[in-house]
Protein backbone atom coordinates (compact mmCIF):
# COMPACT_ATOMS: atom_id res chain seq x y z
CA MET A 1 91.37 148.80 122.42
CA ILE A 2 93.61 149.42 119.35
CA THR A 3 93.06 153.05 117.73
CA ASN A 4 93.58 153.39 113.80
CA LEU A 5 92.87 149.31 113.48
CA PRO A 6 92.41 148.98 109.43
CA ASP A 7 88.93 148.32 108.59
CA ARG A 8 90.41 144.44 107.25
CA ILE A 9 92.84 142.16 108.98
CA PHE A 10 93.53 139.29 106.35
CA LEU A 11 95.47 136.17 107.48
CA CYS A 12 96.98 134.09 105.09
CA GLY A 13 99.17 131.15 105.03
CA PHE A 14 98.88 127.38 103.87
CA MET A 15 96.16 124.94 104.39
CA GLY A 16 96.11 123.80 108.00
CA ALA A 17 98.18 126.80 109.22
CA GLY A 18 95.42 127.62 111.54
CA LYS A 19 94.07 130.73 109.91
CA THR A 20 90.16 130.11 110.86
CA THR A 21 90.72 129.13 114.77
CA ILE A 22 93.34 131.98 114.99
CA GLY A 23 90.95 134.53 113.19
CA LYS A 24 88.13 133.90 115.82
CA VAL A 25 89.99 134.19 118.61
CA LEU A 26 92.02 137.69 117.14
CA ALA A 27 88.24 138.80 115.94
CA GLU A 28 86.70 138.02 119.58
CA LYS A 29 89.58 139.83 121.13
CA LEU A 30 89.69 142.88 119.00
CA GLU A 31 85.55 143.21 119.08
CA GLN A 32 85.89 142.18 115.17
CA SER A 33 83.85 140.79 112.84
CA PHE A 34 84.90 137.36 111.50
CA MET A 35 84.62 135.78 108.29
CA ASP A 36 86.46 132.84 107.14
CA LEU A 37 86.37 133.30 103.18
CA ASP A 38 86.14 129.52 102.06
CA GLN A 39 82.81 129.52 104.24
CA PHE A 40 81.40 133.02 102.44
CA ILE A 41 82.16 130.96 99.12
CA GLU A 42 80.16 127.97 100.15
CA HIS A 43 77.59 129.87 101.48
CA GLU A 44 77.48 132.23 98.28
CA GLN A 45 77.43 128.95 95.71
CA GLY A 46 75.11 127.01 98.15
CA LEU A 47 78.10 124.48 97.39
CA SER A 48 81.07 122.65 99.71
CA ILE A 49 84.81 123.50 98.07
CA PRO A 50 84.93 119.74 97.37
CA GLU A 51 81.56 120.09 95.48
CA ILE A 52 82.79 123.22 93.69
CA PHE A 53 86.37 121.38 92.95
CA GLU A 54 84.70 118.33 91.65
CA ASN A 55 81.86 120.37 89.48
CA GLU A 56 83.74 123.44 88.00
CA GLY A 57 87.35 122.50 88.81
CA GLU A 58 90.35 124.24 90.77
CA ASP A 59 90.13 127.35 88.09
CA ALA A 60 86.49 128.10 88.53
CA PHE A 61 87.02 127.75 92.09
CA ARG A 62 89.96 130.20 92.51
CA ALA A 63 88.28 132.88 90.01
CA LEU A 64 85.12 132.90 92.90
CA GLU A 65 87.69 132.85 95.55
CA ARG A 66 88.96 136.23 93.90
CA SER A 67 85.80 137.54 93.47
CA ALA A 68 84.94 136.74 97.06
CA ILE A 69 88.01 138.37 98.18
CA ARG A 70 87.04 141.72 95.86
CA LYS A 71 83.15 141.83 97.47
CA ALA A 72 84.87 141.27 100.99
CA ILE A 73 86.89 144.51 100.39
CA ARG A 74 83.63 146.16 99.34
CA THR A 75 81.46 144.84 102.20
CA PHE A 76 83.14 143.77 104.84
CA LYS A 77 85.19 145.13 107.86
CA GLY A 78 86.86 142.75 110.45
CA ILE A 79 89.09 139.73 110.24
CA ILE A 80 89.19 137.45 107.03
CA ALA A 81 90.76 134.12 107.33
CA LEU A 82 92.07 133.53 103.52
CA GLY A 83 91.96 130.35 101.88
CA GLY A 84 95.42 128.65 101.72
CA GLY A 85 95.55 129.30 97.64
CA SER A 86 94.25 132.85 98.04
CA LEU A 87 97.36 134.24 97.22
CA GLN A 88 97.41 132.84 93.76
CA ASP A 89 98.90 135.80 92.11
CA GLN A 90 100.56 139.06 92.48
CA HIS A 91 97.50 141.30 91.26
CA ILE A 92 95.07 139.75 94.01
CA LEU A 93 97.74 140.06 96.87
CA ASP A 94 98.50 143.73 96.11
CA HIS A 95 94.97 144.29 96.10
CA ILE A 96 94.76 142.64 98.98
CA LYS A 97 97.53 145.28 100.93
CA LEU A 98 95.84 148.10 99.69
CA ASN A 99 92.52 147.61 101.43
CA GLY A 100 94.02 146.01 104.91
CA LEU A 101 96.66 144.80 106.89
CA LEU A 102 98.02 141.20 105.67
CA ILE A 103 99.30 138.71 108.51
CA PHE A 104 101.05 135.52 107.68
CA ILE A 105 100.60 132.22 109.88
CA GLU A 106 104.08 130.69 109.30
CA THR A 107 103.71 127.15 110.24
CA PRO A 108 106.09 124.48 109.86
CA PHE A 109 105.15 122.06 106.48
CA SER A 110 105.97 119.11 109.20
CA VAL A 111 103.27 120.49 111.85
CA ILE A 112 100.86 121.08 108.52
CA PHE A 113 101.28 117.86 106.90
CA GLU A 114 100.24 115.87 110.36
CA ARG A 115 97.34 117.89 110.62
CA ILE A 116 95.87 117.37 106.93
CA LYS A 117 97.30 114.34 105.77
CA ASN A 118 93.93 112.44 106.50
CA ASN A 119 91.72 115.19 106.00
CA THR A 120 88.67 113.82 102.87
CA LYS A 121 87.22 117.46 102.71
CA ARG A 122 90.18 118.99 101.47
CA PRO A 123 90.17 118.50 97.42
CA LEU A 124 93.92 119.08 96.97
CA LEU A 125 94.57 115.81 98.97
CA LEU A 126 92.40 113.52 96.55
CA ASP A 127 93.33 112.28 93.55
CA ASP A 128 91.06 112.39 90.11
CA GLY A 129 88.71 109.57 91.15
CA GLY A 130 88.28 111.45 94.74
CA SER A 131 90.72 108.77 96.59
CA PRO A 132 92.89 110.02 99.37
CA LYS A 133 96.55 110.29 97.85
CA SER A 134 99.55 107.91 98.93
CA LYS A 135 101.34 109.62 101.64
CA ASP A 136 104.24 109.95 99.74
CA VAL A 137 102.62 111.37 96.83
CA LEU A 138 100.73 113.89 99.06
CA GLN A 139 103.71 114.87 101.19
CA ALA A 140 105.85 115.47 97.68
CA GLU A 141 102.89 117.35 96.30
CA LEU A 142 102.18 119.56 99.05
CA LYS A 143 105.50 120.47 99.72
CA ALA A 144 106.26 121.85 96.25
CA LEU A 145 102.92 123.69 96.81
CA TYR A 146 104.14 124.99 100.12
CA GLN A 147 107.67 126.23 98.55
CA GLN A 148 105.80 127.61 95.57
CA ARG A 149 103.15 129.79 97.93
CA MET A 150 105.96 130.64 100.61
CA PRO A 151 107.23 133.91 98.40
CA LEU A 152 103.55 135.34 98.45
CA TYR A 153 102.99 134.90 102.09
CA GLU A 154 106.01 136.21 102.91
CA GLN A 155 104.94 139.43 101.37
CA ALA A 156 102.67 139.67 104.67
CA VAL A 157 103.14 142.57 106.59
CA ILE A 158 103.10 140.83 109.38
CA GLN A 159 104.33 137.68 110.02
CA ILE A 160 104.17 135.17 112.95
CA ASP A 161 105.59 131.51 113.18
CA SER A 162 102.61 129.69 114.70
CA SER A 163 104.96 126.81 116.18
CA LYS A 164 106.49 128.95 118.52
CA PHE A 165 103.22 129.11 120.77
CA ASP A 166 101.71 126.75 122.72
CA ASP A 167 98.05 127.78 122.32
CA VAL A 168 96.05 130.33 120.26
CA ASP A 169 95.45 132.60 123.32
CA SER A 170 99.18 133.35 123.56
CA LEU A 171 99.69 133.66 119.98
CA SER A 172 96.46 135.72 119.42
CA ASP A 173 97.78 138.03 122.08
CA LYS A 174 101.52 138.40 120.54
CA LEU A 175 99.49 139.02 116.95
CA ILE A 176 97.82 141.97 119.12
CA ARG A 177 100.95 143.58 120.28
CA LYS A 178 102.37 142.91 116.54
CA ILE A 179 99.37 144.79 115.37
CA LYS A 180 99.42 147.73 117.56
CA ASN A 181 103.24 148.17 116.89
CA HIS A 182 102.64 148.45 113.19
CA VAL A 183 99.24 151.09 113.41
CA SER A 184 101.61 152.98 115.94
CA ASP A 185 104.63 153.23 112.97
CA HIS A 186 101.86 154.25 110.78
């Protein structure tokens, strides 16, 4: 067990990076609670993320996301898997870093694209009519978004390249060692 474990450990990274999968394993190994921010928002709103995007638009979803982050900081202790777009601005990023340990799950774009390209439950992968975008359009848009978000993700205190691990177990073990090193230094 780690002494002086932060109250909250936030996992950030692009969609499809494995934040939820890694977060669940990490929470189990650290004997902490786990929260997937997107599932929390869906539960609070009584709607799926795609429904929120369709009914309210992305800006409204981002406002709900920021509100959910603030609520999680006030009421939750444990591991929190953020949505891929949660770090939309410096203000919310700074707020997260003041209230927990931020970890960036870095995953190469090529790996992410292969994981998510056929997922019709992700609103950003669909056109305005709700149909899947063409592979070329999707790849170009996602690559631009990935590059745009990278400077925010890279402000995390701990970073780990998920492509260097064969399984979630070994990745989470390495993350635990990184967390132990971080808290022992502070």
